[in-house]
Every structure is written in C-alpha cells, then in structure tokens.
Amino acid sequence: MLELKPNCECCDCDLPPESPLAMICSFECTFCRSCAIVRLQEQCPNCGGELVRRPVRPRNKLLTHPAATKRVVSPC
C-alpha cells in the first residue's frame, strides 16, 4: 500500500492525499508536479526512475488506511 507522503521532497510544499499534483517513482519518492517536470525532468533524483502521477486514495479508505505524516526533504 502506498504511504502517500505529505510533501514534496524537493520544495517541501504540502501534498495532501487527495492532491492530483503529487508525483512518485517506484520507490515512492514524492514530488510536486512542478518540481517533477521543471527541476527533475520527470526523473527521480534518488533512484533515476520515472516520476508518474500518484493515485488518489478514496476518502473513505483514508479512515482505515491513513496517509503518512512524516515529512521528507532532500536537496534536489
């Protein structure tokens, strides 16, 4: 199950679980759409993998499977 990290690892902007602007790689490194496209050219700086849109978890499922709350920030 995806962690749904709460922020962009590059610019630290908020990415709530319902955000259509969250992008992830296969290791769940998480970035906002702006950083993923402009700064990172849709390639994860951590693993080199492709960055794709993170799926949105249905609101009713967040009650039993909540999103992560720990923020991760790395230099990009």
PDB file of N, CA and C in Angstrom:
ATOM      1  N   MET A   1       0.848  -1.168   0.000  1.00  0.00           N
ATOM      2  CA  MET A   1       0.000   0.000   0.000  1.00  0.00           C
ATOM      3  C   MET A   1       0.899   1.238   0.000  1.00  0.00           C
ATOM      4  N   LEU A   2       0.547   2.228  -0.798  1.00  0.00           N
ATOM      5  CA  LEU A   2       1.325   3.456  -0.870  1.00  0.00           C
ATOM      6  C   LEU A   2       1.281   4.232   0.444  1.00  0.00           C
ATOM      7  N   GLU A   3       2.415   4.858   0.791  1.00  0.00           N
ATOM      8  CA  GLU A   3       2.488   5.662   2.011  1.00  0.00           C
ATOM      9  C   GLU A   3       1.718   6.972   1.887  1.00  0.00           C
ATOM     10  N   LEU A   4       1.677   7.546   0.691  1.00  0.00           N
ATOM     11  CA  LEU A   4       1.076   8.861   0.460  1.00  0.00           C
ATOM     12  C   LEU A   4       1.762   9.916   1.326  1.00  0.00           C
ATOM     13  N   LYS A   5       3.051  10.130   1.053  1.00  0.00           N
ATOM     14  CA  LYS A   5       3.841  11.104   1.815  1.00  0.00           C
ATOM     15  C   LYS A   5       3.209  12.489   1.698  1.00  0.00           C
ATOM     16  N   PRO A   6       3.317  13.301   2.755  1.00  0.00           N
ATOM     17  CA  PRO A   6       2.577  14.561   2.832  1.00  0.00           C
ATOM     18  C   PRO A   6       3.193  15.772   2.152  1.00  0.00           C
ATOM     19  N   ASN A   7       4.377  15.618   1.545  1.00  0.00           N
ATOM     20  CA  ASN A   7       5.040  16.799   0.985  1.00  0.00           C
ATOM     21  C   ASN A   7       5.955  16.450  -0.174  1.00  0.00           C
ATOM     22  N   CYS A   8       6.340  17.498  -0.903  1.00  0.00           N
ATOM     23  CA  CYS A   8       7.319  17.363  -1.978  1.00  0.00           C
ATOM     24  C   CYS A   8       8.700  17.273  -1.336  1.00  0.00           C
ATOM     25  N   GLU A   9       9.471  16.281  -1.725  1.00  0.00           N
ATOM     26  CA  GLU A   9      10.809  16.104  -1.164  1.00  0.00           C
ATOM     27  C   GLU A   9      11.771  17.191  -1.629  1.00  0.00           C
ATOM     28  N   CYS A  10      11.408  17.919  -2.649  1.00  0.00           N
ATOM     29  CA  CYS A  10      12.282  18.945  -3.207  1.00  0.00           C
ATOM     30  C   CYS A  10      11.983  20.333  -2.624  1.00  0.00           C
ATOM     31  N   CYS A  11      10.756  20.801  -2.730  1.00  0.00           N
ATOM     32  CA  CYS A  11      10.414  22.163  -2.282  1.00  0.00           C
ATOM     33  C   CYS A  11       9.621  22.183  -0.984  1.00  0.00           C
ATOM     34  N   ASP A  12       9.264  21.029  -0.443  1.00  0.00           N
ATOM     35  CA  ASP A  12       8.537  20.863   0.818  1.00  0.00           C
ATOM     36  C   ASP A  12       7.105  21.410   0.797  1.00  0.00           C
ATOM     37  N   CYS A  13       6.518  21.610  -0.375  1.00  0.00           N
ATOM     38  CA  CYS A  13       5.116  22.047  -0.405  1.00  0.00           C
ATOM     39  C   CYS A  13       4.224  20.886   0.030  1.00  0.00           C
ATOM     40  N   ASP A  14       3.064  21.218   0.555  1.00  0.00           N
ATOM     41  CA  ASP A  14       2.113  20.212   1.019  1.00  0.00           C
ATOM     42  C   ASP A  14       1.517  19.449  -0.157  1.00  0.00           C
ATOM     43  N   LEU A  15       1.402  18.139   0.012  1.00  0.00           N
ATOM     44  CA  LEU A  15       0.755  17.267  -0.974  1.00  0.00           C
ATOM     45  C   LEU A  15      -0.219  16.353  -0.231  1.00  0.00           C
ATOM     46  N   PRO A  16      -1.416  16.859   0.066  1.00  0.00           N
ATOM     47  CA  PRO A  16      -2.388  16.028   0.779  1.00  0.00           C
ATOM     48  C   PRO A  16      -2.746  14.787  -0.040  1.00  0.00           C
ATOM     49  N   PRO A  17      -3.292  13.766   0.616  1.00  0.00           N
ATOM     50  CA  PRO A  17      -3.573  12.508  -0.076  1.00  0.00           C
ATOM     51  C   PRO A  17      -4.483  12.653  -1.291  1.00  0.00           C
ATOM     52  N   GLU A  18      -5.330  13.688  -1.311  1.00  0.00           N
ATOM     53  CA  GLU A  18      -6.244  13.876  -2.450  1.00  0.00           C
ATOM     54  C   GLU A  18      -5.638  14.727  -3.566  1.00  0.00           C
ATOM     55  N   SER A  19      -4.393  15.125  -3.424  1.00  0.00           N
ATOM     56  CA  SER A  19      -3.775  16.017  -4.414  1.00  0.00           C
ATOM     57  C   SER A  19      -3.508  15.324  -5.751  1.00  0.00           C
ATOM     58  N   PRO A  20      -3.988  15.913  -6.843  1.00  0.00           N
ATOM     59  CA  PRO A  20      -3.680  15.374  -8.172  1.00  0.00           C
ATOM     60  C   PRO A  20      -2.312  15.852  -8.656  1.00  0.00           C
ATOM     61  N   LEU A  21      -1.620  16.668  -7.844  1.00  0.00           N
ATOM     62  CA  LEU A  21      -0.323  17.234  -8.241  1.00  0.00           C
ATOM     63  C   LEU A  21       0.865  16.435  -7.707  1.00  0.00           C
ATOM     64  N   ALA A  22       0.614  15.356  -6.979  1.00  0.00           N
ATOM     65  CA  ALA A  22       1.700  14.541  -6.435  1.00  0.00           C
ATOM     66  C   ALA A  22       2.230  13.572  -7.486  1.00  0.00           C
ATOM     67  N   MET A  23       3.545  13.480  -7.552  1.00  0.00           N
ATOM     68  CA  MET A  23       4.218  12.567  -8.488  1.00  0.00           C
ATOM     69  C   MET A  23       5.125  11.657  -7.665  1.00  0.00           C
ATOM     70  N   ILE A  24       5.216  10.373  -8.051  1.00  0.00           N
ATOM     71  CA  ILE A  24       6.055   9.419  -7.333  1.00  0.00           C
ATOM     72  C   ILE A  24       6.846   8.554  -8.305  1.00  0.00           C
ATOM     73  N   CYS A  25       7.911   7.930  -7.767  1.00  0.00           N
ATOM     74  CA  CYS A  25       8.650   6.915  -8.524  1.00  0.00           C
ATOM     75  C   CYS A  25       8.260   5.552  -7.950  1.00  0.00           C
ATOM     76  N   SER A  26       8.872   4.485  -8.419  1.00  0.00           N
ATOM     77  CA  SER A  26       8.507   3.149  -7.945  1.00  0.00           C
ATOM     78  C   SER A  26       8.931   2.903  -6.499  1.00  0.00           C
ATOM     79  N   PHE A  27       9.802   3.767  -5.951  1.00  0.00           N
ATOM     80  CA  PHE A  27      10.200   3.655  -4.543  1.00  0.00           C
ATOM     81  C   PHE A  27       9.422   4.632  -3.662  1.00  0.00           C
ATOM     82  N   GLU A  28       8.434   5.292  -4.236  1.00  0.00           N
ATOM     83  CA  GLU A  28       7.562   6.255  -3.556  1.00  0.00           C
ATOM     84  C   GLU A  28       8.254   7.547  -3.150  1.00  0.00           C
ATOM     85  N   CYS A  29       9.375   7.889  -3.780  1.00  0.00           N
ATOM     86  CA  CYS A  29       9.920   9.229  -3.598  1.00  0.00           C
ATOM     87  C   CYS A  29       8.825  10.144  -4.126  1.00  0.00           C
ATOM     88  N   THR A  30       8.544  11.230  -3.440  1.00  0.00           N
ATOM     89  CA  THR A  30       7.374  12.046  -3.734  1.00  0.00           C
ATOM     90  C   THR A  30       7.748  13.486  -4.040  1.00  0.00           C
ATOM     91  N   PHE A  31       7.201  14.015  -5.137  1.00  0.00           N
ATOM     92  CA  PHE A  31       7.496  15.375  -5.573  1.00  0.00           C
ATOM     93  C   PHE A  31       6.220  16.027  -6.095  1.00  0.00           C
ATOM     94  N   CYS A  32       6.177  17.357  -6.024  1.00  0.00           N
ATOM     95  CA  CYS A  32       5.047  18.062  -6.634  1.00  0.00           C
ATOM     96  C   CYS A  32       5.238  18.047  -8.147  1.00  0.00           C
ATOM     97  N   ARG A  33       4.173  18.271  -8.852  1.00  0.00           N
ATOM     98  CA  ARG A  33       4.213  18.244 -10.316  1.00  0.00           C
ATOM     99  C   ARG A  33       5.207  19.262 -10.876  1.00  0.00           C
ATOM    100  N   SER A  34       5.239  20.446 -10.275  1.00  0.00           N
ATOM    101  CA  SER A  34       6.142  21.494 -10.753  1.00  0.00           C
ATOM    102  C   SER A  34       7.606  21.067 -10.639  1.00  0.00           C
ATOM    103  N   CYS A  35       8.014  20.587  -9.478  1.00  0.00           N
ATOM    104  CA  CYS A  35       9.405  20.137  -9.307  1.00  0.00           C
ATOM    105  C   CYS A  35       9.707  18.941 -10.207  1.00  0.00           C
ATOM    106  N   ALA A  36       8.763  18.004 -10.292  1.00  0.00           N
ATOM    107  CA  ALA A  36       8.973  16.799 -11.102  1.00  0.00           C
ATOM    108  C   ALA A  36       9.227  17.145 -12.564  1.00  0.00           C
ATOM    109  N   ILE A  37       8.491  18.106 -13.089  1.00  0.00           N
ATOM    110  CA  ILE A  37       8.621  18.441 -14.505  1.00  0.00           C
ATOM    111  C   ILE A  37       9.742  19.447 -14.756  1.00  0.00           C
ATOM    112  N   VAL A  38       9.737  20.557 -14.020  1.00  0.00           N
ATOM    113  CA  VAL A  38      10.684  21.639 -14.293  1.00  0.00           C
ATOM    114  C   VAL A  38      12.094  21.332 -13.785  1.00  0.00           C
ATOM    115  N   ARG A  39      12.213  20.972 -12.529  1.00  0.00           N
ATOM    116  CA  ARG A  39      13.536  20.741 -11.938  1.00  0.00           C
ATOM    117  C   ARG A  39      14.116  19.381 -12.262  1.00  0.00           C
ATOM    118  N   LEU A  40      13.265  18.364 -12.282  1.00  0.00           N
ATOM    119  CA  LEU A  40      13.755  16.984 -12.353  1.00  0.00           C
ATOM    120  C   LEU A  40      13.539  16.306 -13.702  1.00  0.00           C
ATOM    121  N   GLN A  41      12.897  16.976 -14.639  1.00  0.00           N
ATOM    122  CA  GLN A  41      12.615  16.418 -15.963  1.00  0.00           C
ATOM    123  C   GLN A  41      11.978  15.028 -15.887  1.00  0.00           C
ATOM    124  N   GLU A  42      11.066  14.862 -14.907  1.00  0.00           N
ATOM    125  CA  GLU A  42      10.289  13.634 -14.709  1.00  0.00           C
ATOM    126  C   GLU A  42      11.152  12.414 -14.410  1.00  0.00           C
ATOM    127  N   GLN A  43      12.328  12.644 -13.795  1.00  0.00           N
ATOM    128  CA  GLN A  43      13.210  11.548 -13.401  1.00  0.00           C
ATOM    129  C   GLN A  43      13.573  11.722 -11.924  1.00  0.00           C
ATOM    130  N   CYS A  44      13.405  10.679 -11.138  1.00  0.00           N
ATOM    131  CA  CYS A  44      13.678  10.732  -9.707  1.00  0.00           C
ATOM    132  C   CYS A  44      15.173  10.955  -9.461  1.00  0.00           C
ATOM    133  N   PRO A  45      15.536  11.966  -8.665  1.00  0.00           N
ATOM    134  CA  PRO A  45      16.945  12.220  -8.388  1.00  0.00           C
ATOM    135  C   PRO A  45      17.553  11.182  -7.430  1.00  0.00           C
ATOM    136  N   ASN A  46      16.715  10.431  -6.753  1.00  0.00           N
ATOM    137  CA  ASN A  46      17.201   9.437  -5.787  1.00  0.00           C
ATOM    138  C   ASN A  46      17.526   8.097  -6.441  1.00  0.00           C
ATOM    139  N   CYS A  47      16.654   7.637  -7.333  1.00  0.00           N
ATOM    140  CA  CYS A  47      16.851   6.306  -7.928  1.00  0.00           C
ATOM    141  C   CYS A  47      16.984   6.322  -9.448  1.00  0.00           C
ATOM    142  N   GLY A  48      16.700   7.473 -10.065  1.00  0.00           N
ATOM    143  CA  GLY A  48      16.776   7.549 -11.525  1.00  0.00           C
ATOM    144  C   GLY A  48      15.525   7.057 -12.224  1.00  0.00           C
ATOM    145  N   GLY A  49      14.521   6.664 -11.447  1.00  0.00           N
ATOM    146  CA  GLY A  49      13.288   6.135 -12.030  1.00  0.00           C
ATOM    147  C   GLY A  49      12.356   7.215 -12.548  1.00  0.00           C
ATOM    148  N   GLU A  50      11.357   6.763 -13.276  1.00  0.00           N
ATOM    149  CA  GLU A  50      10.335   7.631 -13.859  1.00  0.00           C
ATOM    150  C   GLU A  50       9.411   8.169 -12.777  1.00  0.00           C
ATOM    151  N   LEU A  51       9.049   9.442 -12.879  1.00  0.00           N
ATOM    152  CA  LEU A  51       8.070  10.040 -11.972  1.00  0.00           C
ATOM    153  C   LEU A  51       6.723  10.075 -12.671  1.00  0.00           C
ATOM    154  N   VAL A  52       5.714   9.517 -12.011  1.00  0.00           N
ATOM    155  CA  VAL A  52       4.361   9.445 -12.562  1.00  0.00           C
ATOM    156  C   VAL A  52       3.372   9.979 -11.529  1.00  0.00           C
ATOM    157  N   ARG A  53       2.158  10.292 -11.960  1.00  0.00           N
ATOM    158  CA  ARG A  53       1.131  10.821 -11.058  1.00  0.00           C
ATOM    159  C   ARG A  53       0.796   9.797  -9.977  1.00  0.00           C
ATOM    160  N   ARG A  54       0.764  10.265  -8.732  1.00  0.00           N
ATOM    161  CA  ARG A  54       0.411   9.397  -7.615  1.00  0.00           C
ATOM    162  C   ARG A  54      -1.098   9.211  -7.598  1.00  0.00           C
ATOM    163  N   PRO A  55      -1.583   7.967  -7.455  1.00  0.00           N
ATOM    164  CA  PRO A  55      -3.024   7.760  -7.389  1.00  0.00           C
ATOM    165  C   PRO A  55      -3.613   8.380  -6.124  1.00  0.00           C
ATOM    166  N   VAL A  56      -4.864   8.739  -6.181  1.00  0.00           N
ATOM    167  CA  VAL A  56      -5.570   9.319  -5.041  1.00  0.00           C
ATOM    168  C   VAL A  56      -6.322   8.203  -4.329  1.00  0.00           C
ATOM    169  N   ARG A  57      -6.116   8.095  -3.023  1.00  0.00           N
ATOM    170  CA  ARG A  57      -6.833   7.088  -2.235  1.00  0.00           C
ATOM    171  C   ARG A  57      -8.224   7.628  -1.910  1.00  0.00           C
ATOM    172  N   PRO A  58      -9.273   6.847  -2.115  1.00  0.00           N
ATOM    173  CA  PRO A  58     -10.627   7.310  -1.794  1.00  0.00           C
ATOM    174  C   PRO A  58     -10.728   7.749  -0.333  1.00  0.00           C
ATOM    175  N   ARG A  59     -11.458   8.825  -0.116  1.00  0.00           N
ATOM    176  CA  ARG A  59     -11.588   9.423   1.221  1.00  0.00           C
ATOM    177  C   ARG A  59     -12.023   8.395   2.270  1.00  0.00           C
ATOM    178  N   ASN A  60     -12.961   7.527   1.937  1.00  0.00           N
ATOM    179  CA  ASN A  60     -13.438   6.547   2.914  1.00  0.00           C
ATOM    180  C   ASN A  60     -12.355   5.530   3.289  1.00  0.00           C
ATOM    181  N   LYS A  61     -11.402   5.289   2.416  1.00  0.00           N
ATOM    182  CA  LYS A  61     -10.308   4.352   2.704  1.00  0.00           C
ATOM    183  C   LYS A  61      -9.229   5.001   3.568  1.00  0.00           C
ATOM    184  N   LEU A  62      -9.154   6.334   3.561  1.00  0.00           N
ATOM    185  CA  LEU A  62      -8.176   7.025   4.401  1.00  0.00           C
ATOM    186  C   LEU A  62      -8.477   6.844   5.883  1.00  0.00           C
ATOM    187  N   LEU A  63      -9.729   6.555   6.218  1.00  0.00           N
ATOM    188  CA  LEU A  63     -10.097   6.341   7.618  1.00  0.00           C
ATOM    189  C   LEU A  63      -9.404   5.106   8.183  1.00  0.00           C
ATOM    190  N   THR A  64      -9.338   4.050   7.412  1.00  0.00           N
ATOM    191  CA  THR A  64      -8.716   2.814   7.879  1.00  0.00           C
ATOM    192  C   THR A  64      -7.269   2.660   7.412  1.00  0.00           C
ATOM    193  N   HIS A  65      -6.888   3.388   6.363  1.00  0.00           N
ATOM    194  CA  HIS A  65      -5.529   3.331   5.821  1.00  0.00           C
ATOM    195  C   HIS A  65      -5.034   4.761   5.610  1.00  0.00           C
ATOM    196  N   PRO A  66      -4.676   5.461   6.711  1.00  0.00           N
ATOM    197  CA  PRO A  66      -4.311   6.874   6.610  1.00  0.00           C
ATOM    198  C   PRO A  66      -3.002   7.111   5.866  1.00  0.00           C
ATOM    199  N   ALA A  67      -2.858   8.317   5.363  1.00  0.00           N
ATOM    200  CA  ALA A  67      -1.631   8.745   4.692  1.00  0.00           C
ATOM    201  C   ALA A  67      -0.526   8.944   5.719  1.00  0.00           C
ATOM    202  N   ALA A  68       0.712   8.907   5.256  1.00  0.00           N
ATOM    203  CA  ALA A  68       1.862   9.163   6.127  1.00  0.00           C
ATOM    204  C   ALA A  68       1.839  10.609   6.617  1.00  0.00           C
ATOM    205  N   THR A  69       2.488  10.841   7.736  1.00  0.00           N
ATOM    206  CA  THR A  69       2.574  12.210   8.274  1.00  0.00           C
ATOM    207  C   THR A  69       4.026  12.691   8.356  1.00  0.00           C
ATOM    208  N   LYS A  70       4.984  11.791   8.247  1.00  0.00           N
ATOM    209  CA  LYS A  70       6.403  12.169   8.335  1.00  0.00           C
ATOM    210  C   LYS A  70       6.838  12.857   7.041  1.00  0.00           C
ATOM    211  N   ARG A  71       7.367  14.063   7.185  1.00  0.00           N
ATOM    212  CA  ARG A  71       7.831  14.824   6.027  1.00  0.00           C
ATOM    213  C   ARG A  71       9.257  14.434   5.678  1.00  0.00           C
ATOM    214  N   VAL A  72       9.543  14.345   4.384  1.00  0.00           N
ATOM    215  CA  VAL A  72      10.883  14.020   3.888  1.00  0.00           C
ATOM    216  C   VAL A  72      11.306  15.150   2.958  1.00  0.00           C
ATOM    217  N   VAL A  73      12.497  15.708   3.184  1.00  0.00           N
ATOM    218  CA  VAL A  73      13.017  16.761   2.311  1.00  0.00           C
ATOM    219  C   VAL A  73      14.460  16.408   1.980  1.00  0.00           C
ATOM    220  N   SER A  74      14.794  16.435   0.685  1.00  0.00           N
ATOM    221  CA  SER A  74      16.150  16.155   0.225  1.00  0.00           C
ATOM    222  C   SER A  74      16.576  17.258  -0.735  1.00  0.00           C
ATOM    223  N   PRO A  75      17.838  17.534  -0.799  1.00  0.00           N
ATOM    224  CA  PRO A  75      18.261  18.556  -1.778  1.00  0.00           C
ATOM    225  C   PRO A  75      18.081  18.022  -3.199  1.00  0.00           C
ATOM    226  N   CYS A  76      17.535  18.860  -4.084  1.00  0.00           N
ATOM    227  CA  CYS A  76      17.406  18.432  -5.488  1.00  0.00           C
ATOM    228  C   CYS A  76      18.072  19.423  -6.407  1.00  0.00           C
TER     229      CYS A  76
END
